[in-house]
């Protein structure tokens, strides 16, 4: 699954490069005004509102275990200055791990079903105004985790709370004046989670963004 996810990200980067090249070719054949760049720049001006959704998922299914992980992060932000977004995001995820019955295990793996919810304040800065633009992002909030762990047929309720600080960098491809695609790498800078956190594990993410005004 990791290979599939990496291939998707590479594919998005290739698509972005092709689209940017075509935009430059079309601009060279038209009048001097670069409409594509003007369109991309307009939505990065101060006063605009942007909504973004990024997500990731992975799965493993071997002779001993079944593992499923997913994470989803919606964002809503306001451009307080040109190319600088400040807003709120809410990451949620689930990690499920179960041993297969009847399988001969050389090692006893823990079984669990864990959830995570992380409200955060985030800031993002787009480094360029072109249709294809890199960005950097910082976010911080308070992480809530809960779920169940299973040992020898008995389950234990578990929970954890901790401050979270994250950083990300990625690429944004503007498809139209309002819609864009994103690929990013997100990582925790604190690593204080006491339980396995799906949103922390799934670092490579794909997303879509929309300009509201």
N, C-alpha and C. Protein backbone atom coordinates (compact mmCIF):
# COMPACT_ATOMS: atom_id res chain seq x y z
N UNK A 1 0.83 -1.20 0.00
CA UNK A 1 0.00 0.00 0.00
C UNK A 1 0.86 1.25 0.00
N UNK A 2 1.97 1.20 0.72
CA UNK A 2 2.88 2.35 0.75
C UNK A 2 3.40 2.65 -0.64
N UNK A 3 3.71 1.58 -1.41
CA UNK A 3 4.20 1.79 -2.76
C UNK A 3 3.15 2.43 -3.63
N UNK A 4 1.89 2.01 -3.48
CA UNK A 4 0.79 2.61 -4.24
C UNK A 4 0.65 4.08 -3.90
N UNK A 5 0.72 4.42 -2.58
CA UNK A 5 0.59 5.80 -2.15
C UNK A 5 1.72 6.66 -2.71
N UNK A 6 2.95 6.14 -2.66
CA UNK A 6 4.09 6.89 -3.19
C UNK A 6 3.95 7.10 -4.69
N UNK A 7 3.44 6.07 -5.40
CA UNK A 7 3.24 6.20 -6.84
C UNK A 7 2.21 7.27 -7.16
N UNK A 8 1.16 7.37 -6.34
CA UNK A 8 0.14 8.40 -6.55
C UNK A 8 0.75 9.78 -6.39
N UNK A 9 1.59 9.96 -5.37
CA UNK A 9 2.22 11.25 -5.14
C UNK A 9 3.15 11.61 -6.29
N UNK A 10 3.96 10.64 -6.74
CA UNK A 10 4.84 10.88 -7.87
C UNK A 10 4.04 11.24 -9.11
N UNK A 11 2.91 10.54 -9.30
CA UNK A 11 2.05 10.82 -10.45
C UNK A 11 1.50 12.23 -10.41
N UNK A 12 1.13 12.69 -9.20
CA UNK A 12 0.62 14.05 -9.06
C UNK A 12 1.70 15.07 -9.39
N UNK A 13 2.92 14.82 -8.96
CA UNK A 13 4.02 15.73 -9.26
C UNK A 13 4.25 15.81 -10.77
N UNK A 14 4.18 14.63 -11.45
CA UNK A 14 4.38 14.61 -12.90
C UNK A 14 3.27 15.37 -13.60
N UNK A 15 2.02 15.14 -13.14
CA UNK A 15 0.88 15.85 -13.70
C UNK A 15 1.03 17.36 -13.51
N UNK A 16 1.51 17.74 -12.34
CA UNK A 16 1.70 19.16 -12.07
C UNK A 16 2.74 19.76 -13.02
N UNK A 17 3.83 19.04 -13.25
CA UNK A 17 4.88 19.54 -14.13
C UNK A 17 4.38 19.69 -15.55
N UNK A 18 3.60 18.69 -16.03
CA UNK A 18 3.05 18.74 -17.39
C UNK A 18 2.09 19.90 -17.53
N UNK A 19 1.22 20.08 -16.53
CA UNK A 19 0.23 21.15 -16.59
C UNK A 19 0.91 22.50 -16.61
N UNK A 20 1.97 22.65 -15.79
CA UNK A 20 2.70 23.92 -15.74
C UNK A 20 3.38 24.20 -17.07
N UNK A 21 3.92 23.15 -17.70
CA UNK A 21 4.58 23.30 -18.99
C UNK A 21 3.60 23.73 -20.06
N UNK A 22 2.41 23.08 -20.08
CA UNK A 22 1.39 23.45 -21.05
C UNK A 22 0.94 24.89 -20.84
N UNK A 23 0.83 25.31 -19.57
CA UNK A 23 0.40 26.68 -19.29
C UNK A 23 1.40 27.67 -19.85
N UNK A 24 2.69 27.35 -19.73
CA UNK A 24 3.72 28.24 -20.27
C UNK A 24 3.68 28.29 -21.79
N UNK A 25 3.44 27.11 -22.43
CA UNK A 25 3.36 27.07 -23.89
C UNK A 25 2.17 27.87 -24.40
N UNK A 26 1.02 27.70 -23.75
CA UNK A 26 -0.17 28.43 -24.15
C UNK A 26 0.02 29.93 -23.98
N UNK A 27 0.73 30.31 -22.92
CA UNK A 27 0.98 31.73 -22.67
C UNK A 27 1.86 32.32 -23.77
N UNK A 28 2.83 31.54 -24.24
CA UNK A 28 3.74 32.02 -25.26
C UNK A 28 3.03 32.23 -26.59
N UNK A 29 1.93 31.46 -26.84
CA UNK A 29 1.20 31.56 -28.10
C UNK A 29 0.11 32.61 -28.05
N UNK A 30 -0.21 33.10 -26.88
CA UNK A 30 -1.28 34.08 -26.73
C UNK A 30 -0.71 35.47 -26.54
N UNK A 31 -1.56 36.40 -26.09
CA UNK A 31 -1.11 37.76 -25.86
C UNK A 31 -0.18 37.80 -24.66
N UNK A 32 0.56 38.86 -24.46
CA UNK A 32 1.57 38.94 -23.39
C UNK A 32 1.00 38.71 -22.01
N UNK A 33 -0.27 39.02 -21.74
CA UNK A 33 -0.83 38.86 -20.40
C UNK A 33 -0.91 37.39 -20.04
N UNK A 34 -0.35 36.98 -18.91
CA UNK A 34 -0.37 35.59 -18.46
C UNK A 34 -1.62 35.35 -17.64
N UNK A 35 -2.70 34.90 -18.32
CA UNK A 35 -3.97 34.70 -17.63
C UNK A 35 -3.89 33.62 -16.58
N UNK A 36 -3.11 32.55 -16.87
CA UNK A 36 -2.99 31.45 -15.91
C UNK A 36 -2.37 31.93 -14.61
N UNK A 37 -1.30 32.71 -14.72
CA UNK A 37 -0.63 33.20 -13.52
C UNK A 37 -1.51 34.19 -12.77
N UNK A 38 -2.23 35.04 -13.51
CA UNK A 38 -3.12 36.00 -12.86
C UNK A 38 -4.21 35.29 -12.09
N UNK A 39 -4.77 34.22 -12.68
CA UNK A 39 -5.81 33.44 -12.01
C UNK A 39 -5.28 32.79 -10.75
N UNK A 40 -4.08 32.23 -10.83
CA UNK A 40 -3.50 31.57 -9.66
C UNK A 40 -3.17 32.57 -8.57
N UNK A 41 -2.74 33.76 -8.97
CA UNK A 41 -2.36 34.76 -7.98
C UNK A 41 -3.56 35.34 -7.26
N UNK A 42 -4.69 35.44 -7.97
CA UNK A 42 -5.86 36.11 -7.40
C UNK A 42 -6.34 35.45 -6.12
N UNK A 43 -6.32 34.10 -6.08
CA UNK A 43 -6.85 33.39 -4.92
C UNK A 43 -5.88 33.39 -3.75
N UNK A 44 -4.67 33.93 -3.94
CA UNK A 44 -3.69 34.00 -2.87
C UNK A 44 -3.59 35.40 -2.28
N UNK A 45 -4.48 36.29 -2.72
CA UNK A 45 -4.46 37.65 -2.19
C UNK A 45 -5.13 37.74 -0.83
N UNK A 46 -4.72 38.71 -0.06
CA UNK A 46 -5.28 38.93 1.26
C UNK A 46 -6.81 39.08 1.19
N UNK A 47 -7.50 38.42 2.16
CA UNK A 47 -8.95 38.54 2.24
C UNK A 47 -9.71 37.35 1.72
N UNK A 48 -9.04 36.40 1.04
CA UNK A 48 -9.72 35.22 0.52
C UNK A 48 -9.85 34.14 1.60
N UNK A 49 -10.88 33.30 1.46
CA UNK A 49 -11.11 32.16 2.34
C UNK A 49 -10.89 30.88 1.54
N UNK A 50 -10.15 29.94 2.12
CA UNK A 50 -9.88 28.67 1.44
C UNK A 50 -10.28 27.50 2.34
N UNK A 51 -10.85 26.47 1.72
CA UNK A 51 -11.20 25.23 2.42
C UNK A 51 -10.40 24.10 1.80
N UNK A 52 -9.82 23.25 2.65
CA UNK A 52 -8.94 22.18 2.18
C UNK A 52 -9.29 20.88 2.88
N UNK A 53 -9.13 19.77 2.17
CA UNK A 53 -9.32 18.45 2.76
C UNK A 53 -8.20 17.55 2.27
N UNK A 54 -7.39 17.00 3.20
CA UNK A 54 -6.37 16.03 2.81
C UNK A 54 -6.55 14.75 3.62
N UNK A 55 -6.08 13.64 3.07
CA UNK A 55 -6.33 12.35 3.70
C UNK A 55 -5.25 11.35 3.27
N UNK A 56 -5.20 10.25 4.00
CA UNK A 56 -4.30 9.16 3.67
C UNK A 56 -4.82 7.87 4.29
N UNK A 57 -4.40 6.73 3.74
CA UNK A 57 -4.84 5.43 4.27
C UNK A 57 -3.80 4.38 3.92
N UNK A 58 -3.75 3.34 4.73
CA UNK A 58 -2.86 2.22 4.45
C UNK A 58 -3.49 0.94 4.98
N UNK A 59 -3.01 -0.19 4.46
CA UNK A 59 -3.54 -1.49 4.88
C UNK A 59 -2.46 -2.55 4.76
N UNK A 60 -2.52 -3.54 5.63
CA UNK A 60 -1.61 -4.68 5.58
C UNK A 60 -2.40 -5.94 5.91
N UNK A 61 -2.14 -6.99 5.16
CA UNK A 61 -2.88 -8.24 5.34
C UNK A 61 -1.91 -9.40 5.08
N UNK A 62 -1.29 -9.90 6.17
CA UNK A 62 -0.36 -11.01 6.01
C UNK A 62 -0.94 -12.26 6.66
N UNK A 63 -0.12 -13.27 6.83
CA UNK A 63 -0.63 -14.56 7.33
C UNK A 63 -0.99 -14.50 8.82
N UNK A 64 -0.52 -13.47 9.52
CA UNK A 64 -0.77 -13.40 10.95
C UNK A 64 -1.69 -12.25 11.35
N UNK A 65 -1.66 -11.15 10.59
CA UNK A 65 -2.34 -9.94 11.04
C UNK A 65 -3.15 -9.27 9.94
N UNK A 66 -4.13 -8.50 10.41
CA UNK A 66 -4.89 -7.60 9.56
C UNK A 66 -4.78 -6.21 10.17
N UNK A 67 -4.28 -5.24 9.39
CA UNK A 67 -4.07 -3.88 9.89
C UNK A 67 -4.72 -2.88 8.93
N UNK A 68 -5.47 -1.96 9.49
CA UNK A 68 -6.09 -0.90 8.70
C UNK A 68 -5.82 0.45 9.39
N UNK A 69 -5.45 1.46 8.61
CA UNK A 69 -5.17 2.79 9.16
C UNK A 69 -5.72 3.84 8.20
N UNK A 70 -6.40 4.84 8.74
CA UNK A 70 -6.84 5.97 7.90
C UNK A 70 -6.79 7.27 8.71
N UNK A 71 -6.66 8.37 7.99
CA UNK A 71 -6.62 9.68 8.62
C UNK A 71 -7.21 10.71 7.66
N UNK A 72 -7.93 11.69 8.22
CA UNK A 72 -8.63 12.70 7.44
C UNK A 72 -8.48 14.05 8.13
N UNK A 73 -8.16 15.10 7.34
CA UNK A 73 -7.96 16.42 7.93
C UNK A 73 -8.64 17.50 7.09
N UNK A 74 -9.80 18.02 7.52
CA UNK A 74 -10.38 19.20 6.88
C UNK A 74 -9.77 20.47 7.46
N UNK A 75 -9.67 21.51 6.62
CA UNK A 75 -9.10 22.80 7.03
C UNK A 75 -9.97 23.95 6.52
N UNK A 76 -10.04 25.01 7.26
CA UNK A 76 -10.65 26.25 6.80
C UNK A 76 -9.73 27.39 7.20
N UNK A 77 -9.35 28.23 6.23
CA UNK A 77 -8.36 29.26 6.51
C UNK A 77 -8.67 30.58 5.84
N UNK A 78 -8.02 31.62 6.32
CA UNK A 78 -8.22 32.98 5.82
C UNK A 78 -6.85 33.57 5.50
N UNK A 79 -6.73 34.19 4.33
CA UNK A 79 -5.46 34.82 3.94
C UNK A 79 -5.33 36.15 4.66
N UNK A 80 -4.53 36.17 5.72
CA UNK A 80 -4.31 37.39 6.49
C UNK A 80 -3.33 38.32 5.78
N UNK A 81 -2.59 37.78 4.83
CA UNK A 81 -1.69 38.54 3.97
C UNK A 81 -1.56 37.76 2.67
N UNK A 82 -1.01 38.37 1.64
CA UNK A 82 -0.82 37.66 0.38
C UNK A 82 0.01 36.40 0.60
N UNK A 83 -0.54 35.26 0.19
CA UNK A 83 0.09 33.93 0.23
C UNK A 83 0.22 33.35 1.65
N UNK A 84 -0.29 34.04 2.67
CA UNK A 84 -0.20 33.54 4.05
C UNK A 84 -1.60 33.23 4.58
N UNK A 85 -1.84 31.94 4.87
CA UNK A 85 -3.14 31.47 5.36
C UNK A 85 -3.03 31.14 6.84
N UNK A 86 -4.00 31.56 7.63
CA UNK A 86 -4.12 31.17 9.03
C UNK A 86 -5.54 30.64 9.24
N UNK A 87 -5.66 29.53 9.95
CA UNK A 87 -6.99 28.97 10.13
C UNK A 87 -7.03 27.82 11.12
N UNK A 88 -8.07 27.01 11.01
CA UNK A 88 -8.32 25.88 11.89
C UNK A 88 -8.35 24.59 11.08
N UNK A 89 -7.85 23.51 11.68
CA UNK A 89 -7.94 22.20 11.06
C UNK A 89 -8.28 21.17 12.14
N UNK A 90 -8.87 20.06 11.69
CA UNK A 90 -9.29 19.02 12.62
C UNK A 90 -8.92 17.67 12.03
N UNK A 91 -7.89 17.05 12.60
CA UNK A 91 -7.42 15.74 12.13
C UNK A 91 -8.11 14.63 12.92
N UNK A 92 -8.58 13.62 12.21
CA UNK A 92 -9.19 12.46 12.86
C UNK A 92 -8.68 11.20 12.18
N UNK A 93 -8.53 10.13 12.96
CA UNK A 93 -8.00 8.91 12.37
C UNK A 93 -8.31 7.68 13.20
N UNK A 94 -8.05 6.52 12.59
CA UNK A 94 -8.28 5.25 13.27
C UNK A 94 -7.20 4.26 12.88
N UNK A 95 -6.76 3.47 13.87
CA UNK A 95 -5.77 2.40 13.67
C UNK A 95 -6.37 1.11 14.22
N UNK A 96 -6.47 0.10 13.36
CA UNK A 96 -7.07 -1.18 13.74
C UNK A 96 -6.07 -2.30 13.46
N UNK A 97 -5.81 -3.13 14.45
CA UNK A 97 -4.88 -4.24 14.28
C UNK A 97 -5.45 -5.48 14.95
N UNK A 98 -5.55 -6.57 14.19
CA UNK A 98 -6.15 -7.81 14.71
C UNK A 98 -5.35 -9.01 14.23
N UNK A 99 -5.12 -9.96 15.15
CA UNK A 99 -4.46 -11.20 14.79
C UNK A 99 -5.46 -12.16 14.16
N UNK A 100 -5.04 -12.86 13.13
CA UNK A 100 -5.93 -13.81 12.45
C UNK A 100 -6.06 -15.08 13.27
N UNK A 101 -7.28 -15.57 13.41
CA UNK A 101 -7.52 -16.79 14.18
C UNK A 101 -6.99 -17.99 13.41
N UNK A 102 -6.37 -18.92 14.14
CA UNK A 102 -5.86 -20.14 13.53
C UNK A 102 -4.48 -20.01 12.93
N UNK A 103 -3.95 -18.79 12.87
CA UNK A 103 -2.61 -18.60 12.30
C UNK A 103 -1.55 -18.96 13.33
N UNK A 104 -0.50 -19.64 12.85
CA UNK A 104 0.61 -19.99 13.73
C UNK A 104 1.51 -18.78 13.89
N UNK A 105 1.52 -18.22 15.08
CA UNK A 105 2.26 -16.99 15.32
C UNK A 105 3.62 -17.28 15.96
N UNK A 106 4.66 -16.72 15.38
CA UNK A 106 5.99 -16.84 15.98
C UNK A 106 6.18 -15.77 17.06
N UNK A 107 5.30 -14.78 17.05
CA UNK A 107 5.36 -13.71 18.05
C UNK A 107 3.95 -13.22 18.30
N UNK A 108 3.60 -12.99 19.56
CA UNK A 108 2.25 -12.54 19.91
C UNK A 108 2.17 -11.02 19.73
N UNK A 109 1.44 -10.58 18.70
CA UNK A 109 1.27 -9.15 18.44
C UNK A 109 0.09 -8.62 19.25
N UNK A 110 0.17 -7.41 19.70
CA UNK A 110 -0.98 -6.82 20.41
C UNK A 110 -2.12 -6.55 19.43
N UNK A 111 -3.33 -6.59 19.94
CA UNK A 111 -4.50 -6.24 19.14
C UNK A 111 -5.11 -4.96 19.72
N UNK A 112 -5.58 -4.09 18.86
CA UNK A 112 -6.15 -2.84 19.37
C UNK A 112 -7.03 -2.18 18.32
N UNK A 113 -7.83 -1.26 18.80
CA UNK A 113 -8.67 -0.41 17.96
C UNK A 113 -8.61 0.99 18.58
N UNK A 114 -7.86 1.87 17.93
CA UNK A 114 -7.54 3.18 18.51
C UNK A 114 -8.04 4.31 17.61
N UNK A 115 -8.55 5.36 18.25
CA UNK A 115 -9.04 6.54 17.55
C UNK A 115 -8.25 7.76 18.00
N UNK A 116 -8.21 8.79 17.14
CA UNK A 116 -7.51 10.03 17.48
C UNK A 116 -8.28 11.21 16.91
N UNK A 117 -8.33 12.29 17.67
CA UNK A 117 -8.95 13.55 17.23
C UNK A 117 -8.05 14.69 17.66
N UNK A 118 -7.69 15.55 16.70
CA UNK A 118 -6.71 16.60 16.97
C UNK A 118 -7.17 17.94 16.37
N UNK A 119 -7.80 18.81 17.17
CA UNK A 119 -8.10 20.17 16.70
C UNK A 119 -6.84 21.03 16.79
N UNK A 120 -6.59 21.84 15.74
CA UNK A 120 -5.36 22.63 15.69
C UNK A 120 -5.59 23.99 15.05
N UNK A 121 -4.71 24.91 15.37
CA UNK A 121 -4.54 26.14 14.63
C UNK A 121 -3.38 25.93 13.66
N UNK A 122 -3.54 26.36 12.41
CA UNK A 122 -2.46 26.16 11.45
C UNK A 122 -2.18 27.45 10.69
N UNK A 123 -0.97 27.54 10.18
CA UNK A 123 -0.58 28.62 9.28
C UNK A 123 0.16 28.01 8.10
N UNK A 124 -0.11 28.52 6.92
CA UNK A 124 0.50 28.00 5.70
C UNK A 124 0.98 29.16 4.85
N UNK A 125 2.18 29.01 4.27
CA UNK A 125 2.73 30.05 3.40
C UNK A 125 3.09 29.44 2.05
N UNK A 126 2.50 29.99 0.98
CA UNK A 126 2.80 29.57 -0.39
C UNK A 126 4.02 30.34 -0.88
N UNK A 127 5.04 29.62 -1.32
CA UNK A 127 6.31 30.24 -1.65
C UNK A 127 6.29 30.96 -3.00
N UNK A 128 5.39 30.52 -3.90
CA UNK A 128 5.31 31.11 -5.23
C UNK A 128 3.86 31.41 -5.58
N UNK A 129 3.66 32.18 -6.65
CA UNK A 129 2.32 32.51 -7.11
C UNK A 129 1.92 31.73 -8.36
N UNK A 130 2.77 30.86 -8.87
CA UNK A 130 2.48 30.16 -10.11
C UNK A 130 1.38 29.13 -9.91
N UNK A 131 0.93 28.54 -11.03
CA UNK A 131 -0.09 27.49 -10.95
C UNK A 131 0.40 26.33 -10.08
N UNK A 132 1.66 25.96 -10.20
CA UNK A 132 2.27 24.95 -9.35
C UNK A 132 3.11 25.67 -8.31
N UNK A 133 2.72 25.56 -7.04
CA UNK A 133 3.42 26.33 -6.01
C UNK A 133 3.71 25.46 -4.79
N UNK A 134 4.95 25.48 -4.31
CA UNK A 134 5.28 24.79 -3.06
C UNK A 134 4.78 25.60 -1.86
N UNK A 135 4.60 24.92 -0.74
CA UNK A 135 4.17 25.60 0.48
C UNK A 135 4.77 24.93 1.70
N UNK A 136 4.83 25.67 2.79
CA UNK A 136 5.24 25.14 4.08
C UNK A 136 4.12 25.43 5.07
N UNK A 137 4.00 24.58 6.10
CA UNK A 137 2.89 24.71 7.04
C UNK A 137 3.32 24.32 8.45
N UNK A 138 2.81 25.03 9.45
CA UNK A 138 2.98 24.69 10.85
C UNK A 138 1.61 24.63 11.51
N UNK A 139 1.44 23.71 12.45
CA UNK A 139 0.16 23.59 13.16
C UNK A 139 0.41 23.13 14.59
N UNK A 140 -0.48 23.51 15.49
CA UNK A 140 -0.38 23.08 16.88
C UNK A 140 -1.77 22.97 17.48
N UNK A 141 -1.92 22.03 18.41
CA UNK A 141 -3.21 21.82 19.06
C UNK A 141 -3.09 20.79 20.17
N UNK A 142 -4.23 20.23 20.55
CA UNK A 142 -4.25 19.25 21.64
C UNK A 142 -4.85 17.96 21.12
N UNK A 143 -4.11 16.87 21.30
CA UNK A 143 -4.45 15.58 20.71
C UNK A 143 -5.21 14.70 21.71
N UNK A 144 -6.35 14.16 21.29
CA UNK A 144 -7.15 13.26 22.12
C UNK A 144 -7.17 11.87 21.48
N UNK A 145 -6.81 10.85 22.26
CA UNK A 145 -6.78 9.47 21.77
C UNK A 145 -7.55 8.56 22.74
N UNK A 146 -8.22 7.57 22.19
CA UNK A 146 -8.97 6.62 23.00
C UNK A 146 -9.18 5.32 22.19
N UNK A 147 -9.55 4.27 22.90
CA UNK A 147 -9.82 3.01 22.22
C UNK A 147 -9.69 1.82 23.15
N UNK A 148 -9.46 0.64 22.56
CA UNK A 148 -9.36 -0.60 23.31
C UNK A 148 -8.15 -1.40 22.86
N UNK A 149 -7.49 -2.03 23.81
CA UNK A 149 -6.42 -2.97 23.54
C UNK A 149 -6.85 -4.35 24.02
N UNK A 150 -6.48 -5.39 23.24
CA UNK A 150 -6.91 -6.74 23.55
C UNK A 150 -5.70 -7.61 23.86
N UNK A 151 -5.75 -8.30 25.01
CA UNK A 151 -4.67 -9.19 25.41
C UNK A 151 -5.28 -10.46 26.02
N UNK A 152 -4.97 -11.62 25.41
CA UNK A 152 -5.47 -12.91 25.90
C UNK A 152 -6.99 -12.91 26.06
N UNK A 153 -7.68 -12.34 25.10
CA UNK A 153 -9.13 -12.34 25.11
C UNK A 153 -9.76 -11.28 26.01
N UNK A 154 -8.95 -10.53 26.75
CA UNK A 154 -9.46 -9.47 27.62
C UNK A 154 -9.15 -8.11 26.99
N UNK A 155 -10.10 -7.18 27.13
CA UNK A 155 -9.86 -5.86 26.56
C UNK A 155 -9.69 -4.82 27.66
N UNK A 156 -8.88 -3.84 27.35
CA UNK A 156 -8.61 -2.74 28.27
C UNK A 156 -8.90 -1.42 27.58
N UNK A 157 -9.65 -0.57 28.23
CA UNK A 157 -9.92 0.76 27.69
C UNK A 157 -8.72 1.67 27.94
N UNK A 158 -8.27 2.34 26.90
CA UNK A 158 -7.10 3.20 27.02
C UNK A 158 -7.44 4.59 26.48
N UNK A 159 -6.71 5.59 26.96
CA UNK A 159 -6.87 6.95 26.45
C UNK A 159 -5.62 7.76 26.74
N UNK A 160 -5.45 8.84 26.01
CA UNK A 160 -4.27 9.68 26.16
C UNK A 160 -4.58 11.08 25.66
N UNK A 161 -3.92 12.09 26.26
CA UNK A 161 -4.05 13.47 25.83
C UNK A 161 -2.66 14.10 25.83
N UNK A 162 -2.38 14.90 24.82
CA UNK A 162 -1.07 15.55 24.77
C UNK A 162 -1.08 16.72 23.80
N UNK A 163 -0.21 17.68 24.05
CA UNK A 163 0.01 18.78 23.11
C UNK A 163 0.67 18.24 21.86
N UNK A 164 0.31 18.80 20.71
CA UNK A 164 0.87 18.33 19.44
C UNK A 164 1.36 19.52 18.62
N UNK A 165 2.53 19.36 18.03
CA UNK A 165 3.11 20.35 17.13
C UNK A 165 3.53 19.63 15.86
N UNK A 166 3.08 20.12 14.71
CA UNK A 166 3.35 19.44 13.44
C UNK A 166 3.90 20.42 12.41
N UNK A 167 4.65 19.88 11.46
CA UNK A 167 5.15 20.65 10.34
C UNK A 167 4.90 19.90 9.04
N UNK A 168 4.74 20.63 7.95
CA UNK A 168 4.46 20.00 6.66
C UNK A 168 5.04 20.84 5.54
N UNK A 169 5.35 20.17 4.43
CA UNK A 169 5.68 20.87 3.20
C UNK A 169 5.07 20.08 2.05
N UNK A 170 4.76 20.78 0.96
CA UNK A 170 4.10 20.10 -0.14
C UNK A 170 4.02 20.96 -1.38
N UNK A 171 3.21 20.48 -2.36
CA UNK A 171 2.98 21.16 -3.61
C UNK A 171 1.48 21.33 -3.83
N UNK A 172 1.12 22.49 -4.34
CA UNK A 172 -0.28 22.80 -4.66
C UNK A 172 -0.39 23.06 -6.15
N UNK A 173 -1.30 22.36 -6.82
CA UNK A 173 -1.53 22.53 -8.25
C UNK A 173 -2.90 23.15 -8.45
N UNK A 174 -2.94 24.38 -8.97
CA UNK A 174 -4.20 25.08 -9.22
C UNK A 174 -4.80 24.59 -10.53
N UNK A 175 -5.98 23.92 -10.46
CA UNK A 175 -6.65 23.41 -11.65
C UNK A 175 -7.54 24.46 -12.29
N UNK A 176 -8.16 25.30 -11.48
CA UNK A 176 -9.01 26.37 -11.96
C UNK A 176 -8.92 27.52 -10.95
N UNK A 177 -9.74 28.53 -11.13
CA UNK A 177 -9.67 29.66 -10.21
C UNK A 177 -10.03 29.25 -8.79
N UNK A 178 -10.89 28.25 -8.62
CA UNK A 178 -11.36 27.87 -7.29
C UNK A 178 -10.83 26.52 -6.79
N UNK A 179 -10.45 25.61 -7.67
CA UNK A 179 -10.12 24.24 -7.28
C UNK A 179 -8.64 23.96 -7.47
N UNK A 180 -8.05 23.24 -6.50
CA UNK A 180 -6.66 22.84 -6.60
C UNK A 180 -6.43 21.46 -6.00
N UNK A 181 -5.33 20.82 -6.39
CA UNK A 181 -4.91 19.53 -5.83
C UNK A 181 -3.63 19.73 -5.04
N UNK A 182 -3.44 18.88 -4.02
CA UNK A 182 -2.27 19.00 -3.15
C UNK A 182 -1.65 17.64 -2.84
N UNK A 183 -0.35 17.65 -2.67
CA UNK A 183 0.39 16.51 -2.15
C UNK A 183 1.34 17.05 -1.08
N UNK A 184 1.34 16.43 0.09
CA UNK A 184 2.17 16.96 1.17
C UNK A 184 2.74 15.86 2.05
N UNK A 185 3.81 16.23 2.74
CA UNK A 185 4.43 15.37 3.74
C UNK A 185 4.25 16.06 5.08
N UNK A 186 3.56 15.41 6.00
CA UNK A 186 3.27 15.98 7.31
C UNK A 186 3.92 15.13 8.40
N UNK A 187 4.56 15.78 9.36
CA UNK A 187 5.22 15.04 10.43
C UNK A 187 5.04 15.74 11.76
N UNK A 188 4.99 14.96 12.84
CA UNK A 188 4.93 15.52 14.18
C UNK A 188 6.32 15.96 14.62
N UNK A 189 6.37 17.11 15.25
CA UNK A 189 7.64 17.64 15.73
C UNK A 189 7.84 17.38 17.22
N UNK A 190 6.80 16.86 17.90
CA UNK A 190 6.92 16.63 19.34
C UNK A 190 7.05 15.15 19.69
N UNK A 191 6.33 14.27 18.98
CA UNK A 191 6.38 12.82 19.23
C UNK A 191 6.05 12.45 20.67
N UNK A 192 4.99 13.06 21.22
CA UNK A 192 4.62 12.80 22.61
C UNK A 192 3.39 11.90 22.75
N UNK A 193 2.87 11.37 21.67
CA UNK A 193 1.71 10.50 21.74
C UNK A 193 2.05 9.21 22.47
N UNK A 194 1.25 8.88 23.48
CA UNK A 194 1.48 7.66 24.23
C UNK A 194 0.91 6.44 23.54
N UNK A 195 -0.10 6.65 22.70
CA UNK A 195 -0.72 5.56 21.94
C UNK A 195 -0.40 5.72 20.46
N UNK A 196 -0.57 4.64 19.71
CA UNK A 196 -0.36 4.71 18.26
C UNK A 196 -1.40 5.64 17.66
N UNK A 197 -0.93 6.61 16.88
CA UNK A 197 -1.79 7.65 16.32
C UNK A 197 -1.79 7.52 14.80
N UNK A 198 -2.98 7.28 14.24
CA UNK A 198 -3.08 7.10 12.79
C UNK A 198 -2.64 8.35 12.04
N UNK A 199 -3.00 9.53 12.53
CA UNK A 199 -2.64 10.77 11.85
C UNK A 199 -1.14 11.02 11.88
N UNK A 200 -0.47 10.51 12.90
CA UNK A 200 0.98 10.66 12.98
C UNK A 200 1.69 9.67 12.07
N UNK A 201 1.13 8.46 11.94
CA UNK A 201 1.75 7.43 11.12
C UNK A 201 1.68 7.75 9.63
N UNK A 202 0.54 8.29 9.19
CA UNK A 202 0.31 8.52 7.76
C UNK A 202 0.84 9.90 7.37
N UNK A 203 2.11 9.95 7.03
CA UNK A 203 2.78 11.23 6.78
C UNK A 203 2.54 11.73 5.36
N UNK A 204 2.48 10.83 4.37
CA UNK A 204 2.26 11.24 2.99
C UNK A 204 0.76 11.34 2.74
N UNK A 205 0.32 12.52 2.24
CA UNK A 205 -1.10 12.78 2.13
C UNK A 205 -1.44 13.46 0.81
N UNK A 206 -2.65 13.21 0.33
CA UNK A 206 -3.18 13.85 -0.87
C UNK A 206 -4.41 14.65 -0.48
N UNK A 207 -4.66 15.74 -1.20
CA UNK A 207 -5.80 16.57 -0.83
C UNK A 207 -6.34 17.39 -1.97
N UNK A 208 -7.43 18.09 -1.67
CA UNK A 208 -8.07 19.01 -2.61
C UNK A 208 -8.40 20.30 -1.86
N UNK A 209 -8.33 21.44 -2.55
CA UNK A 209 -8.63 22.71 -1.91
C UNK A 209 -9.62 23.50 -2.77
N UNK A 210 -10.35 24.41 -2.13
CA UNK A 210 -11.32 25.22 -2.83
C UNK A 210 -11.32 26.64 -2.27
N UNK A 211 -11.29 27.60 -3.16
CA UNK A 211 -11.42 28.99 -2.76
C UNK A 211 -12.90 29.34 -2.65
N UNK A 212 -13.33 29.83 -1.48
CA UNK A 212 -14.75 30.07 -1.23
C UNK A 212 -15.18 31.42 -1.79
N UNK A 213 -14.31 32.43 -1.76
CA UNK A 213 -14.70 33.74 -2.29
C UNK A 213 -13.68 34.24 -3.29
